[in-house]
Amino acid sequence: MTKGPGAPAAAHPGRPAAALPPAPGVWNIANVLTMVRLLLVPVFVALLFADGGHDPKWRSVAWASFAIAMITDLFDGELARRKGLVTDFGKIADPIADKAIMGAALIGLSVLGDLPWWVTVVILARELGITLMRFWVIRFGVIPASRGGKLKTLTQGIAVGMYVLDLHGWLATGRAVLMGLAVLLTVGTALDYVGQALRLRREGMAAEHADR
């Protein structure tokens, strides 16, 4: 008997039909950690400005919430990749959560007068500029995070966390030095990413012209 065009193809005897793995749902551990980080942003801001913003006890609690947010940042992306939990929501929400908590900390500290505004402007301008640049060249390829970029993120997180705490003496000097290093890494990695983007765009456009 001849099968019609819409009939399923016969499976090989003794071999199970191949099945694609189900797509991960939005509600997975990696995305939950990202959402926790987003929810911690207003909590952190409220704690940072509690009782005038200069009470050491409240600043310690604010630091704890900031530290939790930074810890979730270390695990959500790694879990998503290792467990096959990468989703479109995570791709969008994860960088937003990262920039939201860091931006809130930098701006809050500058408003309180604990961190020079020029530091906040340099770091936030870099983050915004690199994000826009990635979209500018995305049709030619993706610029991967470099080791320098990861070191920059780690240094920024530690330095900003130290500024959230009420530190004095050599600890206050140490955090200023660390923040200076973070700014240098911020500028240095930005220049590296710009170079990568220009090279990627140039090579991509050359390939497009060659295909015509």
N, C-alpha and C. Protein backbone atom coordinates (compact mmCIF):
# COMPACT_ATOMS: atom_id res chain seq x y z
N MET A 1 0.85 -1.19 0.00
CA MET A 1 0.00 0.00 0.00
C MET A 1 0.88 1.23 0.00
N THR A 2 0.65 2.16 -0.94
CA THR A 2 1.49 3.34 -1.08
C THR A 2 1.08 4.42 -0.09
N LYS A 3 2.06 5.01 0.59
CA LYS A 3 1.78 6.06 1.57
C LYS A 3 1.56 7.38 0.86
N GLY A 4 0.67 8.17 1.37
CA GLY A 4 0.43 9.50 0.82
C GLY A 4 1.54 10.44 1.19
N PRO A 5 1.58 11.64 0.57
CA PRO A 5 2.65 12.59 0.85
C PRO A 5 2.70 13.08 2.27
N GLY A 6 1.56 13.00 2.97
CA GLY A 6 1.53 13.50 4.35
C GLY A 6 1.81 12.44 5.38
N ALA A 7 2.04 11.17 4.94
CA ALA A 7 2.23 10.09 5.91
C ALA A 7 3.63 10.14 6.49
N PRO A 8 3.84 9.79 7.78
CA PRO A 8 5.16 9.83 8.40
C PRO A 8 6.05 8.76 7.83
N ALA A 9 7.36 9.05 7.75
CA ALA A 9 8.31 8.07 7.26
C ALA A 9 8.49 6.96 8.28
N ALA A 10 8.71 5.73 7.77
CA ALA A 10 8.85 4.59 8.67
C ALA A 10 10.17 4.68 9.41
N ALA A 11 10.14 4.34 10.68
CA ALA A 11 11.37 4.35 11.48
C ALA A 11 12.16 3.10 11.20
N HIS A 12 13.49 3.17 11.39
CA HIS A 12 14.31 1.98 11.20
C HIS A 12 13.99 0.98 12.29
N PRO A 13 13.91 -0.31 11.94
CA PRO A 13 13.58 -1.33 12.96
C PRO A 13 14.59 -1.32 14.10
N GLY A 14 14.09 -1.34 15.29
CA GLY A 14 14.96 -1.42 16.46
C GLY A 14 15.65 -0.13 16.84
N ARG A 15 15.39 0.98 16.09
CA ARG A 15 16.04 2.25 16.41
C ARG A 15 14.98 3.27 16.81
N PRO A 16 15.08 3.85 18.01
CA PRO A 16 14.06 4.83 18.44
C PRO A 16 14.12 6.08 17.58
N ALA A 17 12.97 6.69 17.37
CA ALA A 17 12.92 7.92 16.58
C ALA A 17 13.68 9.02 17.31
N ALA A 18 14.44 9.79 16.53
CA ALA A 18 15.22 10.87 17.12
C ALA A 18 14.29 11.98 17.58
N ALA A 19 14.59 12.55 18.72
CA ALA A 19 13.77 13.63 19.26
C ALA A 19 14.67 14.77 19.71
N LEU A 20 14.25 15.96 19.38
CA LEU A 20 15.02 17.13 19.80
C LEU A 20 14.79 17.36 21.29
N PRO A 21 15.81 17.78 22.03
CA PRO A 21 15.62 18.06 23.44
C PRO A 21 14.67 19.24 23.62
N PRO A 22 13.80 19.20 24.63
CA PRO A 22 12.85 20.30 24.82
C PRO A 22 13.58 21.61 25.13
N ALA A 23 13.03 22.69 24.61
CA ALA A 23 13.63 24.00 24.86
C ALA A 23 13.46 24.34 26.34
N PRO A 24 14.48 24.94 26.97
CA PRO A 24 14.36 25.29 28.39
C PRO A 24 13.29 26.34 28.60
N GLY A 25 12.55 26.19 29.68
CA GLY A 25 11.52 27.17 30.01
C GLY A 25 12.12 28.40 30.67
N VAL A 26 11.33 29.46 30.71
CA VAL A 26 11.80 30.70 31.34
C VAL A 26 12.07 30.49 32.82
N TRP A 27 11.23 29.67 33.47
CA TRP A 27 11.39 29.46 34.91
C TRP A 27 12.42 28.36 35.16
N ASN A 28 13.68 28.75 35.11
CA ASN A 28 14.75 27.84 35.46
C ASN A 28 15.68 28.55 36.44
N ILE A 29 16.59 27.80 37.05
CA ILE A 29 17.42 28.33 38.13
C ILE A 29 18.27 29.51 37.69
N ALA A 30 18.78 29.48 36.45
CA ALA A 30 19.61 30.57 35.98
C ALA A 30 18.81 31.86 35.87
N ASN A 31 17.60 31.77 35.29
CA ASN A 31 16.77 32.96 35.14
C ASN A 31 16.23 33.45 36.49
N VAL A 32 15.98 32.53 37.40
CA VAL A 32 15.53 32.93 38.74
C VAL A 32 16.61 33.76 39.44
N LEU A 33 17.87 33.34 39.31
CA LEU A 33 18.98 34.10 39.91
C LEU A 33 19.07 35.48 39.28
N THR A 34 18.86 35.56 37.96
CA THR A 34 18.88 36.86 37.29
C THR A 34 17.77 37.76 37.81
N MET A 35 16.57 37.18 37.98
CA MET A 35 15.44 37.97 38.48
C MET A 35 15.66 38.41 39.93
N VAL A 36 16.30 37.55 40.71
CA VAL A 36 16.64 37.93 42.08
C VAL A 36 17.56 39.15 42.07
N ARG A 37 18.53 39.15 41.16
CA ARG A 37 19.45 40.29 41.06
C ARG A 37 18.70 41.57 40.67
N LEU A 38 17.75 41.46 39.76
CA LEU A 38 16.96 42.63 39.37
C LEU A 38 16.14 43.15 40.55
N LEU A 39 15.53 42.23 41.32
CA LEU A 39 14.72 42.63 42.46
C LEU A 39 15.57 43.24 43.58
N LEU A 40 16.84 42.87 43.63
CA LEU A 40 17.72 43.41 44.67
C LEU A 40 18.12 44.86 44.41
N VAL A 41 17.95 45.33 43.18
CA VAL A 41 18.38 46.71 42.86
C VAL A 41 17.64 47.73 43.71
N PRO A 42 16.29 47.77 43.72
CA PRO A 42 15.62 48.76 44.57
C PRO A 42 15.87 48.52 46.06
N VAL A 43 16.02 47.27 46.45
CA VAL A 43 16.32 46.96 47.86
C VAL A 43 17.67 47.55 48.24
N PHE A 44 18.66 47.36 47.38
CA PHE A 44 20.00 47.90 47.64
C PHE A 44 19.97 49.42 47.74
N VAL A 45 19.28 50.07 46.81
CA VAL A 45 19.21 51.54 46.82
C VAL A 45 18.57 52.04 48.11
N ALA A 46 17.48 51.39 48.53
CA ALA A 46 16.81 51.80 49.77
C ALA A 46 17.73 51.64 50.97
N LEU A 47 18.47 50.56 51.02
CA LEU A 47 19.40 50.32 52.13
C LEU A 47 20.57 51.30 52.10
N LEU A 48 21.05 51.63 50.90
CA LEU A 48 22.18 52.54 50.78
C LEU A 48 21.85 53.93 51.29
N PHE A 49 20.60 54.38 51.03
CA PHE A 49 20.20 55.73 51.44
C PHE A 49 19.47 55.76 52.78
N ALA A 50 19.36 54.62 53.44
CA ALA A 50 18.65 54.57 54.72
C ALA A 50 19.33 55.45 55.76
N ASP A 51 18.51 56.17 56.54
CA ASP A 51 19.00 57.01 57.63
C ASP A 51 20.06 58.02 57.16
N GLY A 52 19.80 58.62 56.01
CA GLY A 52 20.70 59.66 55.50
C GLY A 52 21.83 59.14 54.63
N GLY A 53 22.01 57.84 54.58
CA GLY A 53 23.01 57.26 53.68
C GLY A 53 24.40 57.12 54.26
N HIS A 54 24.60 57.48 55.50
CA HIS A 54 25.95 57.41 56.07
C HIS A 54 26.01 56.64 57.39
N ASP A 55 24.97 55.89 57.68
CA ASP A 55 24.98 55.08 58.88
C ASP A 55 25.76 53.79 58.60
N PRO A 56 26.82 53.51 59.36
CA PRO A 56 27.65 52.32 59.09
C PRO A 56 26.87 51.01 59.11
N LYS A 57 25.88 50.91 59.98
CA LYS A 57 25.10 49.67 60.06
C LYS A 57 24.29 49.45 58.79
N TRP A 58 23.59 50.50 58.35
CA TRP A 58 22.80 50.37 57.13
C TRP A 58 23.70 50.14 55.91
N ARG A 59 24.86 50.77 55.93
CA ARG A 59 25.79 50.58 54.81
C ARG A 59 26.27 49.13 54.77
N SER A 60 26.44 48.52 55.93
CA SER A 60 26.85 47.11 55.97
C SER A 60 25.76 46.21 55.40
N VAL A 61 24.50 46.51 55.73
CA VAL A 61 23.39 45.73 55.19
C VAL A 61 23.28 45.95 53.68
N ALA A 62 23.50 47.19 53.25
CA ALA A 62 23.48 47.49 51.81
C ALA A 62 24.58 46.71 51.10
N TRP A 63 25.75 46.63 51.73
CA TRP A 63 26.85 45.86 51.14
C TRP A 63 26.46 44.39 51.00
N ALA A 64 25.77 43.85 52.00
CA ALA A 64 25.36 42.44 51.95
C ALA A 64 24.45 42.19 50.75
N SER A 65 23.50 43.10 50.50
CA SER A 65 22.60 42.93 49.36
C SER A 65 23.37 43.06 48.04
N PHE A 66 24.34 43.98 48.01
CA PHE A 66 25.17 44.15 46.81
C PHE A 66 26.01 42.89 46.57
N ALA A 67 26.55 42.33 47.64
CA ALA A 67 27.38 41.12 47.52
C ALA A 67 26.55 39.95 47.01
N ILE A 68 25.32 39.81 47.49
CA ILE A 68 24.45 38.73 47.02
C ILE A 68 24.18 38.89 45.52
N ALA A 69 23.93 40.13 45.11
CA ALA A 69 23.69 40.39 43.68
C ALA A 69 24.91 40.01 42.85
N MET A 70 26.10 40.34 43.32
CA MET A 70 27.32 40.01 42.59
C MET A 70 27.55 38.50 42.53
N ILE A 71 27.19 37.81 43.61
CA ILE A 71 27.36 36.35 43.64
C ILE A 71 26.41 35.68 42.64
N THR A 72 25.17 36.17 42.57
CA THR A 72 24.25 35.59 41.58
C THR A 72 24.76 35.82 40.16
N ASP A 73 25.45 36.94 39.95
CA ASP A 73 26.01 37.23 38.63
C ASP A 73 27.08 36.20 38.25
N LEU A 74 27.80 35.69 39.24
CA LEU A 74 28.84 34.70 38.97
C LEU A 74 28.26 33.35 38.55
N PHE A 75 27.05 33.05 39.04
CA PHE A 75 26.52 31.70 38.86
C PHE A 75 25.47 31.57 37.76
N ASP A 76 24.66 32.62 37.50
CA ASP A 76 23.54 32.41 36.59
C ASP A 76 23.98 32.10 35.16
N GLY A 77 24.95 32.85 34.64
CA GLY A 77 25.42 32.59 33.29
C GLY A 77 26.09 31.23 33.15
N GLU A 78 26.90 30.87 34.15
CA GLU A 78 27.60 29.59 34.12
C GLU A 78 26.60 28.43 34.18
N LEU A 79 25.59 28.56 35.04
CA LEU A 79 24.57 27.52 35.13
C LEU A 79 23.80 27.38 33.82
N ALA A 80 23.48 28.52 33.20
CA ALA A 80 22.72 28.48 31.95
C ALA A 80 23.48 27.74 30.87
N ARG A 81 24.79 27.98 30.80
CA ARG A 81 25.59 27.32 29.76
C ARG A 81 25.81 25.84 30.07
N ARG A 82 26.12 25.52 31.30
CA ARG A 82 26.42 24.13 31.65
C ARG A 82 25.19 23.23 31.64
N LYS A 83 24.04 23.78 32.05
CA LYS A 83 22.83 22.97 32.16
C LYS A 83 21.92 23.10 30.93
N GLY A 84 22.37 23.83 29.91
CA GLY A 84 21.53 24.01 28.73
C GLY A 84 20.29 24.81 29.01
N LEU A 85 20.42 25.87 29.85
CA LEU A 85 19.27 26.67 30.26
C LEU A 85 19.29 28.06 29.64
N VAL A 86 19.99 28.21 28.53
CA VAL A 86 20.07 29.51 27.86
C VAL A 86 18.73 29.82 27.21
N THR A 87 18.14 30.97 27.54
CA THR A 87 16.86 31.39 26.96
C THR A 87 16.99 32.81 26.45
N ASP A 88 16.05 33.20 25.59
CA ASP A 88 16.04 34.58 25.08
C ASP A 88 15.86 35.57 26.22
N PHE A 89 15.03 35.20 27.20
CA PHE A 89 14.83 36.07 28.36
C PHE A 89 16.15 36.30 29.10
N GLY A 90 16.90 35.21 29.32
CA GLY A 90 18.16 35.32 30.03
C GLY A 90 19.17 36.16 29.28
N LYS A 91 19.21 36.03 27.95
CA LYS A 91 20.15 36.80 27.15
C LYS A 91 19.91 38.30 27.29
N ILE A 92 18.64 38.68 27.46
CA ILE A 92 18.29 40.10 27.59
C ILE A 92 18.39 40.56 29.04
N ALA A 93 17.83 39.75 29.96
CA ALA A 93 17.73 40.17 31.36
C ALA A 93 19.06 40.17 32.08
N ASP A 94 19.95 39.23 31.76
CA ASP A 94 21.21 39.12 32.49
C ASP A 94 22.07 40.38 32.37
N PRO A 95 22.36 40.89 31.16
CA PRO A 95 23.15 42.13 31.10
C PRO A 95 22.44 43.33 31.68
N ILE A 96 21.10 43.36 31.58
CA ILE A 96 20.34 44.46 32.17
C ILE A 96 20.51 44.45 33.69
N ALA A 97 20.41 43.26 34.29
CA ALA A 97 20.56 43.13 35.74
C ALA A 97 21.96 43.53 36.18
N ASP A 98 22.98 43.11 35.41
CA ASP A 98 24.36 43.47 35.73
C ASP A 98 24.54 44.97 35.78
N LYS A 99 24.08 45.64 34.72
CA LYS A 99 24.29 47.09 34.62
C LYS A 99 23.41 47.85 35.59
N ALA A 100 22.24 47.29 35.92
CA ALA A 100 21.33 47.97 36.85
C ALA A 100 21.92 48.03 38.25
N ILE A 101 22.44 46.92 38.75
CA ILE A 101 22.97 46.91 40.12
C ILE A 101 24.25 47.73 40.20
N MET A 102 25.12 47.63 39.19
CA MET A 102 26.35 48.39 39.21
C MET A 102 26.07 49.89 39.02
N GLY A 103 25.16 50.21 38.10
CA GLY A 103 24.81 51.62 37.88
C GLY A 103 24.18 52.24 39.11
N ALA A 104 23.31 51.49 39.78
CA ALA A 104 22.66 51.99 40.99
C ALA A 104 23.69 52.27 42.08
N ALA A 105 24.67 51.38 42.21
CA ALA A 105 25.71 51.56 43.23
C ALA A 105 26.58 52.78 42.92
N LEU A 106 27.02 52.90 41.68
CA LEU A 106 27.89 54.02 41.31
C LEU A 106 27.19 55.36 41.47
N ILE A 107 25.98 55.45 40.93
CA ILE A 107 25.24 56.72 41.02
C ILE A 107 24.90 57.03 42.48
N GLY A 108 24.47 56.02 43.23
CA GLY A 108 24.14 56.25 44.63
C GLY A 108 25.33 56.75 45.43
N LEU A 109 26.49 56.13 45.22
CA LEU A 109 27.70 56.55 45.95
C LEU A 109 28.12 57.97 45.55
N SER A 110 27.94 58.32 44.29
CA SER A 110 28.30 59.68 43.87
C SER A 110 27.33 60.70 44.43
N VAL A 111 26.03 60.35 44.48
CA VAL A 111 25.04 61.25 45.07
C VAL A 111 25.36 61.50 46.54
N LEU A 112 25.82 60.48 47.23
CA LEU A 112 26.17 60.61 48.65
C LEU A 112 27.51 61.30 48.87
N GLY A 113 28.24 61.53 47.78
CA GLY A 113 29.54 62.21 47.89
C GLY A 113 30.69 61.29 48.26
N ASP A 114 30.49 59.99 48.16
CA ASP A 114 31.55 59.04 48.53
C ASP A 114 32.43 58.65 47.35
N LEU A 115 31.95 58.87 46.14
CA LEU A 115 32.69 58.49 44.95
C LEU A 115 32.64 59.63 43.95
N PRO A 116 33.79 60.06 43.42
CA PRO A 116 33.79 61.18 42.45
C PRO A 116 32.88 60.88 41.26
N TRP A 117 32.17 61.90 40.80
CA TRP A 117 31.25 61.71 39.69
C TRP A 117 31.97 61.29 38.42
N TRP A 118 33.22 61.76 38.24
CA TRP A 118 33.91 61.43 36.99
C TRP A 118 34.15 59.93 36.88
N VAL A 119 34.34 59.26 38.02
CA VAL A 119 34.51 57.80 38.00
C VAL A 119 33.22 57.13 37.52
N THR A 120 32.11 57.57 38.08
CA THR A 120 30.81 57.03 37.68
C THR A 120 30.54 57.26 36.21
N VAL A 121 30.83 58.47 35.73
CA VAL A 121 30.57 58.80 34.32
C VAL A 121 31.44 57.95 33.40
N VAL A 122 32.72 57.79 33.73
CA VAL A 122 33.62 57.00 32.88
C VAL A 122 33.14 55.55 32.79
N ILE A 123 32.81 54.96 33.93
CA ILE A 123 32.41 53.55 33.93
C ILE A 123 31.08 53.34 33.21
N LEU A 124 30.09 54.19 33.51
CA LEU A 124 28.78 54.01 32.89
C LEU A 124 28.81 54.33 31.40
N ALA A 125 29.60 55.35 31.01
CA ALA A 125 29.71 55.67 29.59
C ALA A 125 30.35 54.52 28.84
N ARG A 126 31.34 53.89 29.44
CA ARG A 126 31.99 52.74 28.82
C ARG A 126 30.99 51.60 28.63
N GLU A 127 30.23 51.28 29.69
CA GLU A 127 29.29 50.17 29.61
C GLU A 127 28.23 50.42 28.54
N LEU A 128 27.69 51.63 28.51
CA LEU A 128 26.67 51.97 27.51
C LEU A 128 27.27 51.94 26.11
N GLY A 129 28.46 52.53 25.96
CA GLY A 129 29.10 52.60 24.65
C GLY A 129 29.42 51.22 24.09
N ILE A 130 29.95 50.33 24.92
CA ILE A 130 30.31 48.99 24.45
C ILE A 130 29.05 48.20 24.10
N THR A 131 27.98 48.37 24.88
CA THR A 131 26.72 47.69 24.57
C THR A 131 26.18 48.13 23.22
N LEU A 132 26.17 49.43 22.97
CA LEU A 132 25.69 49.95 21.68
C LEU A 132 26.59 49.48 20.55
N MET A 133 27.88 49.41 20.80
CA MET A 133 28.81 48.99 19.77
C MET A 133 28.60 47.53 19.40
N ARG A 134 28.29 46.70 20.39
CA ARG A 134 28.01 45.28 20.11
C ARG A 134 26.82 45.15 19.17
N PHE A 135 25.78 45.96 19.39
CA PHE A 135 24.64 45.93 18.49
C PHE A 135 25.01 46.45 17.10
N TRP A 136 25.94 47.39 17.04
CA TRP A 136 26.36 47.99 15.78
C TRP A 136 27.01 46.95 14.86
N VAL A 137 27.72 46.00 15.44
CA VAL A 137 28.44 45.01 14.63
C VAL A 137 27.83 43.61 14.72
N ILE A 138 26.65 43.48 15.32
CA ILE A 138 26.14 42.14 15.61
C ILE A 138 25.84 41.35 14.33
N ARG A 139 25.54 42.03 13.21
CA ARG A 139 25.26 41.28 11.98
C ARG A 139 26.51 40.68 11.39
N PHE A 140 27.68 41.14 11.84
CA PHE A 140 28.94 40.57 11.36
C PHE A 140 29.49 39.52 12.31
N GLY A 141 29.02 39.50 13.54
CA GLY A 141 29.50 38.54 14.52
C GLY A 141 29.36 39.07 15.93
N VAL A 142 29.72 38.22 16.88
CA VAL A 142 29.61 38.57 18.30
C VAL A 142 31.00 38.81 18.88
N ILE A 143 31.15 39.89 19.63
CA ILE A 143 32.43 40.17 20.30
C ILE A 143 32.40 39.44 21.65
N PRO A 144 33.24 38.42 21.83
CA PRO A 144 33.21 37.67 23.09
C PRO A 144 33.82 38.46 24.23
N ALA A 145 33.41 38.14 25.44
CA ALA A 145 34.01 38.77 26.63
C ALA A 145 35.46 38.30 26.76
N SER A 146 36.35 39.24 26.94
CA SER A 146 37.77 38.92 27.06
C SER A 146 38.15 38.68 28.51
N ARG A 147 39.35 38.16 28.72
CA ARG A 147 39.84 37.99 30.10
C ARG A 147 39.96 39.34 30.79
N GLY A 148 40.41 40.33 30.02
CA GLY A 148 40.51 41.68 30.59
C GLY A 148 39.15 42.21 31.01
N GLY A 149 38.14 41.92 30.20
CA GLY A 149 36.79 42.36 30.54
C GLY A 149 36.28 41.69 31.81
N LYS A 150 36.57 40.41 31.95
CA LYS A 150 36.15 39.70 33.16
C LYS A 150 36.90 40.21 34.39
N LEU A 151 38.20 40.51 34.21
CA LEU A 151 38.97 41.07 35.32
C LEU A 151 38.45 42.44 35.69
N LYS A 152 38.08 43.22 34.67
CA LYS A 152 37.50 44.55 34.91
C LYS A 152 36.22 44.44 35.74
N THR A 153 35.36 43.50 35.38
CA THR A 153 34.10 43.32 36.10
C THR A 153 34.35 42.92 37.55
N LEU A 154 35.29 42.00 37.77
CA LEU A 154 35.62 41.56 39.12
C LEU A 154 36.20 42.71 39.94
N THR A 155 37.12 43.46 39.35
CA THR A 155 37.76 44.58 40.06
C THR A 155 36.74 45.66 40.40
N GLN A 156 35.87 45.97 39.44
CA GLN A 156 34.82 46.95 39.70
C GLN A 156 33.92 46.51 40.85
N GLY A 157 33.52 45.24 40.82
CA GLY A 157 32.62 44.75 41.86
C GLY A 157 33.21 44.84 43.25
N ILE A 158 34.49 44.44 43.37
CA ILE A 158 35.15 44.50 44.68
C ILE A 158 35.33 45.94 45.13
N ALA A 159 35.78 46.81 44.20
CA ALA A 159 36.03 48.21 44.55
C ALA A 159 34.74 48.92 44.96
N VAL A 160 33.68 48.73 44.18
CA VAL A 160 32.41 49.37 44.51
C VAL A 160 31.88 48.84 45.84
N GLY A 161 32.01 47.53 46.06
CA GLY A 161 31.58 46.96 47.34
C GLY A 161 32.32 47.58 48.51
N MET A 162 33.61 47.84 48.34
CA MET A 162 34.38 48.48 49.41
C MET A 162 33.94 49.91 49.65
N TYR A 163 33.50 50.60 48.59
CA TYR A 163 32.99 51.97 48.76
C TYR A 163 31.63 51.99 49.45
N VAL A 164 30.87 50.93 49.27
CA VAL A 164 29.58 50.85 49.97
C VAL A 164 29.79 50.75 51.48
N LEU A 165 30.83 50.03 51.89
CA LEU A 165 31.14 49.92 53.31
C LEU A 165 31.73 51.21 53.86
N ASP A 166 31.56 51.41 55.13
CA ASP A 166 32.11 52.60 55.80
C ASP A 166 33.53 52.27 56.27
N LEU A 167 34.49 52.50 55.39
CA LEU A 167 35.88 52.15 55.68
C LEU A 167 36.72 53.39 55.96
N HIS A 168 37.76 53.19 56.77
CA HIS A 168 38.66 54.30 57.13
C HIS A 168 40.10 53.80 57.12
N GLY A 169 41.03 54.73 57.18
CA GLY A 169 42.44 54.37 57.27
C GLY A 169 42.96 53.71 56.02
N TRP A 170 43.79 52.68 56.21
CA TRP A 170 44.43 52.03 55.07
C TRP A 170 43.44 51.30 54.18
N LEU A 171 42.29 50.88 54.76
CA LEU A 171 41.27 50.23 53.94
C LEU A 171 40.65 51.22 52.95
N ALA A 172 40.45 52.46 53.42
CA ALA A 172 39.91 53.49 52.53
C ALA A 172 40.92 53.81 51.42
N THR A 173 42.20 53.83 51.79
CA THR A 173 43.24 54.06 50.78
C THR A 173 43.29 52.91 49.78
N GLY A 174 43.16 51.69 50.29
CA GLY A 174 43.20 50.52 49.44
C GLY A 174 42.06 50.49 48.43
N ARG A 175 40.87 50.89 48.87
CA ARG A 175 39.75 50.87 47.94
C ARG A 175 39.90 51.94 46.86
N ALA A 176 40.53 53.07 47.22
CA ALA A 176 40.77 54.11 46.21
C ALA A 176 41.75 53.62 45.14
N VAL A 177 42.79 52.90 45.60
CA VAL A 177 43.76 52.34 44.64
C VAL A 177 43.09 51.30 43.75
N LEU A 178 42.25 50.46 44.36
CA LEU A 178 41.56 49.43 43.59
C LEU A 178 40.60 50.04 42.58
N MET A 179 39.93 51.12 42.98
CA MET A 179 39.02 51.78 42.05
C MET A 179 39.80 52.41 40.90
N GLY A 180 40.99 52.94 41.21
CA GLY A 180 41.84 53.48 40.15
C GLY A 180 42.20 52.40 39.14
N LEU A 181 42.52 51.20 39.64
CA LEU A 181 42.83 50.07 38.76
C LEU A 181 41.60 49.70 37.93
N ALA A 182 40.43 49.72 38.57
CA ALA A 182 39.20 49.40 37.86
C ALA A 182 38.94 50.37 36.71
N VAL A 183 39.21 51.66 36.96
CA VAL A 183 39.02 52.67 35.91
C VAL A 183 39.99 52.43 34.76
N LEU A 184 41.26 52.11 35.08
CA LEU A 184 42.24 51.81 34.03
C LEU A 184 41.81 50.60 33.20
N LEU A 185 41.34 49.55 33.87
CA LEU A 185 40.86 48.37 33.16
C LEU A 185 39.61 48.70 32.33
N THR A 186 38.77 49.57 32.86
CA THR A 186 37.56 49.98 32.15
C THR A 186 37.92 50.64 30.83
N VAL A 187 38.87 51.58 30.87
CA VAL A 187 39.27 52.29 29.66
C VAL A 187 40.06 51.37 28.73
N GLY A 188 40.98 50.59 29.30
CA GLY A 188 41.82 49.72 28.48
C GLY A 188 41.01 48.67 27.73
N THR A 189 40.08 48.02 28.42
CA THR A 189 39.26 47.00 27.75
C THR A 189 38.31 47.63 26.74
N ALA A 190 37.87 48.86 27.00
CA ALA A 190 37.01 49.55 26.04
C ALA A 190 37.76 49.76 24.73
N LEU A 191 39.01 50.20 24.80
CA LEU A 191 39.81 50.40 23.59
C LEU A 191 40.02 49.08 22.85
N ASP A 192 40.23 48.00 23.62
CA ASP A 192 40.40 46.68 23.00
C ASP A 192 39.13 46.25 22.28
N TYR A 193 37.97 46.44 22.90
CA TYR A 193 36.70 46.07 22.27
C TYR A 193 36.42 46.91 21.03
N VAL A 194 36.78 48.19 21.08
CA VAL A 194 36.59 49.05 19.91
C VAL A 194 37.42 48.52 18.74
N GLY A 195 38.68 48.14 19.04
CA GLY A 195 39.54 47.58 18.00
C GLY A 195 38.95 46.30 17.41
N GLN A 196 38.43 45.43 18.28
CA GLN A 196 37.81 44.19 17.81
C GLN A 196 36.58 44.47 16.94
N ALA A 197 35.77 45.45 17.37
CA ALA A 197 34.56 45.78 16.63
C ALA A 197 34.89 46.32 15.24
N LEU A 198 35.86 47.22 15.17
CA LEU A 198 36.24 47.79 13.88
C LEU A 198 36.80 46.71 12.95
N ARG A 199 37.60 45.81 13.50
CA ARG A 199 38.16 44.73 12.70
C ARG A 199 37.06 43.78 12.23
N LEU A 200 36.13 43.45 13.12
CA LEU A 200 35.02 42.57 12.77
C LEU A 200 34.15 43.18 11.69
N ARG A 201 33.87 44.46 11.81
CA ARG A 201 33.05 45.15 10.81
C ARG A 201 33.77 45.22 9.47
N ARG A 202 35.05 45.53 9.51
CA ARG A 202 35.82 45.62 8.26
C ARG A 202 35.87 44.28 7.54
N GLU A 203 36.13 43.21 8.28
CA GLU A 203 36.19 41.89 7.67
C GLU A 203 34.81 41.44 7.17
N GLY A 204 33.77 41.78 7.94
CA GLY A 204 32.43 41.41 7.52
C GLY A 204 32.00 42.12 6.26
N MET A 205 32.30 43.41 6.17
CA MET A 205 31.94 44.16 4.97
C MET A 205 32.74 43.69 3.77
N ALA A 206 34.01 43.33 3.99
CA ALA A 206 34.83 42.81 2.89
C ALA A 206 34.27 41.50 2.37
N ALA A 207 33.79 40.64 3.29
CA ALA A 207 33.22 39.37 2.89
C ALA A 207 31.92 39.59 2.11
N GLU A 208 31.12 40.58 2.53
CA GLU A 208 29.89 40.88 1.81
C GLU A 208 30.16 41.35 0.39
N HIS A 209 31.17 42.21 0.23
CA HIS A 209 31.54 42.71 -1.10
C HIS A 209 32.06 41.58 -1.98
N ALA A 210 32.79 40.64 -1.37
CA ALA A 210 33.35 39.51 -2.13
C ALA A 210 32.25 38.59 -2.63
N ASP A 211 31.14 38.50 -1.91
CA ASP A 211 30.04 37.61 -2.31
C ASP A 211 29.17 38.19 -3.40
N ARG A 212 29.33 39.48 -3.64
CA ARG A 212 28.47 40.12 -4.66
C ARG A 212 28.95 39.82 -6.08
